[in-house]
Amino acid sequence: MRNFNATYAAELAKEVLSTFMVYEFDFSTPHYETDSDTPVYRNGHKYLPRDSSFDQVSLAAALTVDKVNLEFDNADLVWSAMLLAEDVRNKAAVISKGVRLADTTYLIEDLFYGLVDSWKLLGFTKADVTVANELALWAKKTLRNYASTCPWTFVRDGSGECRYSGSGDWCDYSWDRCNTLGNSLNFGGEKYMLAIQGVTIWWGRTQSA
């Protein structure tokens, strides 16, 4: 459950003051925007006005990935320039909501913190950005599984991943042999750790009986 600052919650409950969204993206050059009609200042940063909307919000109480789909105006091609200039995937993003008080000051609370999951340009006028929470990283798969033996093809000409070039004419793909050949910097296996030899390892908080 999301807990808000008491003052912020009280103002929001009045339903008489204007609200606005603020967005922060941690690109190579941090980017700050708001759907407010006027610039918003927060933590020393200036959030510039831009039309935006929520296209889709996916939330769940289970251990799944929450996502927020955002749509930004791109008539000035600012978003096109940012998205095409670098790989923005997995860059941090913060979505917050503010309420403007009667004295023209405002209160802002963070609603969603996540990583840029995907994006697409909708013609020349809109940019669609999907922000997912950090559980999205759990779904990534490794390209290969590590074993105690080296997976590289043994060579003597310094090519491939092995990169060995010497007088040795055989290798059993073990760490010891690779070390003997003086090629351990290119060893592709998982070196056995003597520190865990004989140590009882178990899952959970306490050792099983």
C-alpha atoms as a PDB file:
ATOM      1  CA  MET A   1       0.000   0.000   0.000  1.00  0.00           C
ATOM      2  CA  ARG A   2       1.303   3.445  -0.950  1.00  0.00           C
ATOM      3  CA  ASN A   3       1.526   5.880   1.992  1.00  0.00           C
ATOM      4  CA  PHE A   4       1.406   9.602   1.288  1.00  0.00           C
ATOM      5  CA  ASN A   5       2.542  12.549   3.339  1.00  0.00           C
ATOM      6  CA  ALA A   6      -0.413  13.551   5.582  1.00  0.00           C
ATOM      7  CA  THR A   7      -0.464  17.137   4.325  1.00  0.00           C
ATOM      8  CA  TYR A   8      -0.331  15.980   0.722  1.00  0.00           C
ATOM      9  CA  ALA A   9      -3.135  13.458   1.274  1.00  0.00           C
ATOM     10  CA  ALA A  10      -5.317  16.088   2.938  1.00  0.00           C
ATOM     11  CA  GLU A  11      -4.920  18.521   0.046  1.00  0.00           C
ATOM     12  CA  LEU A  12      -5.580  15.783  -2.490  1.00  0.00           C
ATOM     13  CA  ALA A  13      -8.770  14.802  -0.670  1.00  0.00           C
ATOM     14  CA  LYS A  14     -10.189  18.324  -1.013  1.00  0.00           C
ATOM     15  CA  GLU A  15     -10.603  17.760  -4.760  1.00  0.00           C
ATOM     16  CA  VAL A  16     -10.701  21.497  -5.333  1.00  0.00           C
ATOM     17  CA  LEU A  17      -7.074  22.198  -6.238  1.00  0.00           C
ATOM     18  CA  SER A  18      -5.384  21.448  -9.544  1.00  0.00           C
ATOM     19  CA  THR A  19      -3.107  18.440  -9.814  1.00  0.00           C
ATOM     20  CA  PHE A  20      -0.253  17.750 -12.222  1.00  0.00           C
ATOM     21  CA  MET A  21       2.261  15.027 -13.063  1.00  0.00           C
ATOM     22  CA  VAL A  22       6.040  15.285 -13.079  1.00  0.00           C
ATOM     23  CA  TYR A  23       8.417  12.895 -14.817  1.00  0.00           C
ATOM     24  CA  GLU A  24      12.115  12.339 -14.297  1.00  0.00           C
ATOM     25  CA  PHE A  25      14.258  10.225 -16.634  1.00  0.00           C
ATOM     26  CA  ASP A  26      17.866   9.381 -15.841  1.00  0.00           C
ATOM     27  CA  PHE A  27      19.189   9.431 -19.406  1.00  0.00           C
ATOM     28  CA  SER A  28      22.810  10.360 -20.185  1.00  0.00           C
ATOM     29  CA  THR A  29      21.478  13.910 -19.879  1.00  0.00           C
ATOM     30  CA  PRO A  30      18.733  13.768 -17.185  1.00  0.00           C
ATOM     31  CA  HIS A  31      15.344  14.849 -18.513  1.00  0.00           C
ATOM     32  CA  TYR A  32      12.571  16.519 -16.484  1.00  0.00           C
ATOM     33  CA  GLU A  33       9.012  17.195 -17.667  1.00  0.00           C
ATOM     34  CA  THR A  34       5.592  18.042 -16.282  1.00  0.00           C
ATOM     35  CA  ASP A  35       2.075  18.254 -17.698  1.00  0.00           C
ATOM     36  CA  SER A  36       1.581  21.457 -15.716  1.00  0.00           C
ATOM     37  CA  ASP A  37       0.949  24.644 -17.709  1.00  0.00           C
ATOM     38  CA  THR A  38       3.932  26.277 -16.041  1.00  0.00           C
ATOM     39  CA  PRO A  39       7.401  24.971 -15.126  1.00  0.00           C
ATOM     40  CA  VAL A  40       7.757  23.100 -11.858  1.00  0.00           C
ATOM     41  CA  TYR A  41      10.840  23.286  -9.658  1.00  0.00           C
ATOM     42  CA  ARG A  42      11.828  20.391  -7.425  1.00  0.00           C
ATOM     43  CA  ASN A  43      15.099  19.378  -5.766  1.00  0.00           C
ATOM     44  CA  GLY A  44      16.984  21.950  -7.790  1.00  0.00           C
ATOM     45  CA  HIS A  45      15.603  20.716 -11.110  1.00  0.00           C
ATOM     46  CA  LYS A  46      13.328  22.498 -13.551  1.00  0.00           C
ATOM     47  CA  TYR A  47      10.502  20.405 -15.042  1.00  0.00           C
ATOM     48  CA  LEU A  48       9.409  21.845 -18.381  1.00  0.00           C
ATOM     49  CA  PRO A  49       5.749  21.765 -19.500  1.00  0.00           C
ATOM     50  CA  ARG A  50       4.733  19.150 -22.090  1.00  0.00           C
ATOM     51  CA  ASP A  51       1.457  17.464 -22.942  1.00  0.00           C
ATOM     52  CA  SER A  52       1.397  13.873 -21.700  1.00  0.00           C
ATOM     53  CA  SER A  53      -1.052  11.157 -20.754  1.00  0.00           C
ATOM     54  CA  PHE A  54      -1.332   7.681 -19.247  1.00  0.00           C
ATOM     55  CA  ASP A  55      -2.243   5.205 -21.930  1.00  0.00           C
ATOM     56  CA  GLN A  56      -2.181   2.085 -19.760  1.00  0.00           C
ATOM     57  CA  VAL A  57      -1.348   1.199 -16.170  1.00  0.00           C
ATOM     58  CA  SER A  58      -0.717  -2.417 -15.150  1.00  0.00           C
ATOM     59  CA  LEU A  59      -0.609  -3.073 -11.401  1.00  0.00           C
ATOM     60  CA  ALA A  60      -0.765  -6.296  -9.400  1.00  0.00           C
ATOM     61  CA  ALA A  61      -0.451  -7.354  -5.789  1.00  0.00           C
ATOM     62  CA  ALA A  62       1.393 -10.539  -6.754  1.00  0.00           C
ATOM     63  CA  LEU A  63       5.107 -10.822  -7.508  1.00  0.00           C
ATOM     64  CA  THR A  64       4.732  -9.575 -11.068  1.00  0.00           C
ATOM     65  CA  VAL A  65       5.982  -6.658 -13.088  1.00  0.00           C
ATOM     66  CA  ASP A  66       4.014  -3.427 -12.745  1.00  0.00           C
ATOM     67  CA  LYS A  67       4.095  -1.201 -15.815  1.00  0.00           C
ATOM     68  CA  VAL A  68       3.033   2.323 -16.672  1.00  0.00           C
ATOM     69  CA  ASN A  69       2.553   3.363 -20.289  1.00  0.00           C
ATOM     70  CA  LEU A  70       3.203   7.066 -20.964  1.00  0.00           C
ATOM     71  CA  GLU A  71       2.558   9.144 -24.050  1.00  0.00           C
ATOM     72  CA  PHE A  72       4.397  12.417 -24.624  1.00  0.00           C
ATOM     73  CA  ASP A  73       3.904  15.154 -27.193  1.00  0.00           C
ATOM     74  CA  ASN A  74       6.729  14.979 -29.746  1.00  0.00           C
ATOM     75  CA  ALA A  75       5.794  17.759 -32.154  1.00  0.00           C
ATOM     76  CA  ASP A  76       9.126  19.487 -31.482  1.00  0.00           C
ATOM     77  CA  LEU A  77      10.985  16.146 -31.943  1.00  0.00           C
ATOM     78  CA  VAL A  78      12.654  16.480 -28.528  1.00  0.00           C
ATOM     79  CA  TRP A  79      11.673  12.939 -27.602  1.00  0.00           C
ATOM     80  CA  SER A  80      12.757  11.613 -30.995  1.00  0.00           C
ATOM     81  CA  ALA A  81      16.203  13.102 -30.484  1.00  0.00           C
ATOM     82  CA  MET A  82      16.552  11.573 -27.001  1.00  0.00           C
ATOM     83  CA  LEU A  83      15.299   8.113 -27.901  1.00  0.00           C
ATOM     84  CA  LEU A  84      17.405   7.821 -31.049  1.00  0.00           C
ATOM     85  CA  ALA A  85      20.573   9.232 -29.507  1.00  0.00           C
ATOM     86  CA  GLU A  86      21.123   6.421 -26.983  1.00  0.00           C
ATOM     87  CA  ASP A  87      19.757   3.147 -25.678  1.00  0.00           C
ATOM     88  CA  VAL A  88      17.383   4.362 -22.978  1.00  0.00           C
ATOM     89  CA  ARG A  89      16.212   0.889 -21.922  1.00  0.00           C
ATOM     90  CA  ASN A  90      16.843   0.131 -18.237  1.00  0.00           C
ATOM     91  CA  LYS A  91      17.382   3.820 -17.481  1.00  0.00           C
ATOM     92  CA  ALA A  92      15.720   4.921 -14.233  1.00  0.00           C
ATOM     93  CA  ALA A  93      12.436   6.829 -14.330  1.00  0.00           C
ATOM     94  CA  VAL A  94      10.363   8.440 -11.563  1.00  0.00           C
ATOM     95  CA  ILE A  95       6.710   9.376 -11.977  1.00  0.00           C
ATOM     96  CA  SER A  96       5.253  11.749  -9.398  1.00  0.00           C
ATOM     97  CA  LYS A  97       2.041  13.662  -8.789  1.00  0.00           C
ATOM     98  CA  GLY A  98       1.696  17.162  -7.415  1.00  0.00           C
ATOM     99  CA  VAL A  99      -1.082  19.317  -6.006  1.00  0.00           C
ATOM    100  CA  ARG A 100      -1.027  23.084  -6.340  1.00  0.00           C
ATOM    101  CA  LEU A 101      -1.977  24.928  -3.164  1.00  0.00           C
ATOM    102  CA  ALA A 102      -3.999  28.107  -2.841  1.00  0.00           C
ATOM    103  CA  ASP A 103      -0.852  30.169  -2.231  1.00  0.00           C
ATOM    104  CA  THR A 104       0.567  28.920  -5.598  1.00  0.00           C
ATOM    105  CA  THR A 105       3.068  26.593  -3.906  1.00  0.00           C
ATOM    106  CA  TYR A 106       2.754  22.870  -4.453  1.00  0.00           C
ATOM    107  CA  LEU A 107       3.354  19.493  -2.856  1.00  0.00           C
ATOM    108  CA  ILE A 108       4.721  16.543  -4.839  1.00  0.00           C
ATOM    109  CA  GLU A 109       4.785  12.836  -3.986  1.00  0.00           C
ATOM    110  CA  ASP A 110       6.502  10.046  -5.928  1.00  0.00           C
ATOM    111  CA  LEU A 111       4.041   7.487  -7.299  1.00  0.00           C
ATOM    112  CA  PHE A 112       6.133   5.074  -9.318  1.00  0.00           C
ATOM    113  CA  TYR A 113       9.828   4.285  -9.636  1.00  0.00           C
ATOM    114  CA  GLY A 114      11.027   1.991 -12.371  1.00  0.00           C
ATOM    115  CA  LEU A 115      13.113   1.453 -15.492  1.00  0.00           C
ATOM    116  CA  VAL A 116      12.385   2.294 -19.109  1.00  0.00           C
ATOM    117  CA  ASP A 117      11.206  -1.001 -20.571  1.00  0.00           C
ATOM    118  CA  SER A 118      10.410  -0.052 -24.170  1.00  0.00           C
ATOM    119  CA  TRP A 119       9.521   2.869 -26.399  1.00  0.00           C
ATOM    120  CA  LYS A 120       8.152   3.695 -29.832  1.00  0.00           C
ATOM    121  CA  LEU A 121       7.541   6.800 -31.884  1.00  0.00           C
ATOM    122  CA  LEU A 122       3.980   7.343 -33.054  1.00  0.00           C
ATOM    123  CA  GLY A 123       4.471   9.234 -36.278  1.00  0.00           C
ATOM    124  CA  PHE A 124       6.074  12.626 -35.740  1.00  0.00           C
ATOM    125  CA  THR A 125       3.755  13.838 -33.010  1.00  0.00           C
ATOM    126  CA  LYS A 126       3.817  11.313 -30.143  1.00  0.00           C
ATOM    127  CA  ALA A 127       6.345   9.257 -28.199  1.00  0.00           C
ATOM    128  CA  ASP A 128       5.184   6.196 -26.289  1.00  0.00           C
ATOM    129  CA  VAL A 129       7.349   5.119 -23.325  1.00  0.00           C
ATOM    130  CA  THR A 130       6.711   2.116 -21.070  1.00  0.00           C
ATOM    131  CA  VAL A 131       8.192   2.170 -17.565  1.00  0.00           C
ATOM    132  CA  ALA A 132       8.352  -1.093 -15.609  1.00  0.00           C
ATOM    133  CA  ASN A 133       9.341  -1.692 -12.008  1.00  0.00           C
ATOM    134  CA  GLU A 134      12.635  -3.395 -11.192  1.00  0.00           C
ATOM    135  CA  LEU A 135      11.086  -6.879 -11.201  1.00  0.00           C
ATOM    136  CA  ALA A 136      11.430  -6.669 -14.984  1.00  0.00           C
ATOM    137  CA  LEU A 137      15.113  -7.506 -14.538  1.00  0.00           C
ATOM    138  CA  TRP A 138      14.189 -10.862 -12.987  1.00  0.00           C
ATOM    139  CA  ALA A 139      12.849 -12.082 -16.319  1.00  0.00           C
ATOM    140  CA  LYS A 140      16.197 -11.778 -18.082  1.00  0.00           C
ATOM    141  CA  LYS A 141      17.902 -14.981 -19.140  1.00  0.00           C
ATOM    142  CA  THR A 142      21.630 -15.663 -19.243  1.00  0.00           C
ATOM    143  CA  LEU A 143      23.185 -16.377 -22.610  1.00  0.00           C
ATOM    144  CA  ARG A 144      24.989 -19.431 -21.223  1.00  0.00           C
ATOM    145  CA  ASN A 145      25.358 -21.376 -17.992  1.00  0.00           C
ATOM    146  CA  TYR A 146      28.728 -21.458 -16.293  1.00  0.00           C
ATOM    147  CA  ALA A 147      30.413 -24.781 -15.562  1.00  0.00           C
ATOM    148  CA  SER A 148      33.698 -25.688 -13.891  1.00  0.00           C
ATOM    149  CA  THR A 149      35.205 -26.518 -17.294  1.00  0.00           C
ATOM    150  CA  CYS A 150      36.026 -24.003 -19.992  1.00  0.00           C
ATOM    151  CA  PRO A 151      33.627 -23.940 -22.978  1.00  0.00           C
ATOM    152  CA  TRP A 152      36.085 -22.354 -25.425  1.00  0.00           C
ATOM    153  CA  THR A 153      37.602 -24.393 -28.251  1.00  0.00           C
ATOM    154  CA  PHE A 154      41.293 -25.005 -27.536  1.00  0.00           C
ATOM    155  CA  VAL A 155      43.579 -23.272 -30.040  1.00  0.00           C
ATOM    156  CA  ARG A 156      47.288 -22.574 -30.389  1.00  0.00           C
ATOM    157  CA  ASP A 157      47.153 -19.563 -32.698  1.00  0.00           C
ATOM    158  CA  GLY A 158      45.696 -16.990 -30.285  1.00  0.00           C
ATOM    159  CA  SER A 159      42.287 -16.900 -31.970  1.00  0.00           C
ATOM    160  CA  GLY A 160      38.709 -17.243 -30.688  1.00  0.00           C
ATOM    161  CA  GLU A 161      37.788 -16.868 -27.040  1.00  0.00           C
ATOM    162  CA  CYS A 162      40.601 -19.182 -25.926  1.00  0.00           C
ATOM    163  CA  ARG A 163      43.350 -16.935 -27.323  1.00  0.00           C
ATOM    164  CA  TYR A 164      46.083 -19.369 -26.294  1.00  0.00           C
ATOM    165  CA  SER A 165      49.288 -19.186 -28.299  1.00  0.00           C
ATOM    166  CA  GLY A 166      52.115 -21.372 -27.065  1.00  0.00           C
ATOM    167  CA  SER A 167      53.858 -24.692 -27.263  1.00  0.00           C
ATOM    168  CA  GLY A 168      51.223 -26.702 -25.357  1.00  0.00           C
ATOM    169  CA  ASP A 169      49.413 -29.177 -27.584  1.00  0.00           C
ATOM    170  CA  TRP A 170      46.533 -30.292 -25.356  1.00  0.00           C
ATOM    171  CA  CYS A 171      44.040 -28.978 -22.792  1.00  0.00           C
ATOM    172  CA  ASP A 172      41.473 -30.737 -20.641  1.00  0.00           C
ATOM    173  CA  TYR A 173      39.564 -27.440 -20.228  1.00  0.00           C
ATOM    174  CA  SER A 174      40.201 -27.305 -16.488  1.00  0.00           C
ATOM    175  CA  TRP A 175      41.341 -24.273 -14.491  1.00  0.00           C
ATOM    176  CA  ASP A 176      44.550 -26.048 -13.445  1.00  0.00           C
ATOM    177  CA  ARG A 177      45.567 -26.832 -17.031  1.00  0.00           C
ATOM    178  CA  CYS A 178      44.654 -23.326 -18.211  1.00  0.00           C
ATOM    179  CA  ASN A 179      46.745 -21.895 -15.383  1.00  0.00           C
ATOM    180  CA  THR A 180      49.664 -24.146 -16.293  1.00  0.00           C
ATOM    181  CA  LEU A 181      49.488 -22.918 -19.877  1.00  0.00           C
ATOM    182  CA  GLY A 182      49.563 -19.337 -18.593  1.00  0.00           C
ATOM    183  CA  ASN A 183      46.188 -18.577 -20.173  1.00  0.00           C
ATOM    184  CA  SER A 184      43.997 -18.227 -17.063  1.00  0.00           C
ATOM    185  CA  LEU A 185      42.956 -14.683 -18.005  1.00  0.00           C
ATOM    186  CA  ASN A 186      40.892 -16.227 -20.806  1.00  0.00           C
ATOM    187  CA  PHE A 187      39.479 -19.124 -18.776  1.00  0.00           C
ATOM    188  CA  GLY A 188      35.776 -19.391 -19.592  1.00  0.00           C
ATOM    189  CA  GLY A 189      34.653 -21.683 -16.785  1.00  0.00           C
ATOM    190  CA  GLU A 190      33.771 -21.057 -13.164  1.00  0.00           C
ATOM    191  CA  LYS A 191      36.797 -21.483 -10.922  1.00  0.00           C
ATOM    192  CA  TYR A 192      36.095 -23.708  -7.925  1.00  0.00           C
ATOM    193  CA  MET A 193      36.251 -21.841  -4.606  1.00  0.00           C
ATOM    194  CA  LEU A 194      38.169 -23.755  -1.949  1.00  0.00           C
ATOM    195  CA  ALA A 195      36.600 -21.550   0.710  1.00  0.00           C
ATOM    196  CA  ILE A 196      33.276 -23.388   0.391  1.00  0.00           C
ATOM    197  CA  GLN A 197      34.714 -26.906   0.372  1.00  0.00           C
ATOM    198  CA  GLY A 198      33.128 -28.884   3.206  1.00  0.00           C
ATOM    199  CA  VAL A 199      30.759 -26.030   4.097  1.00  0.00           C
ATOM    200  CA  THR A 200      27.096 -26.995   4.548  1.00  0.00           C
ATOM    201  CA  ILE A 201      24.906 -24.887   2.283  1.00  0.00           C
ATOM    202  CA  TRP A 202      21.127 -24.699   2.621  1.00  0.00           C
ATOM    203  CA  TRP A 203      18.184 -22.664   1.387  1.00  0.00           C
ATOM    204  CA  GLY A 204      16.130 -20.479   3.689  1.00  0.00           C
ATOM    205  CA  ARG A 205      16.805 -18.593   6.877  1.00  0.00           C
ATOM    206  CA  THR A 206      17.823 -21.523   9.107  1.00  0.00           C
ATOM    207  CA  GLN A 207      19.588 -24.809   8.494  1.00  0.00           C
ATOM    208  CA  SER A 208      17.300 -27.764   7.910  1.00  0.00           C
ATOM    209  CA  ALA A 209      17.401 -30.573  10.450  1.00  0.00           C
END
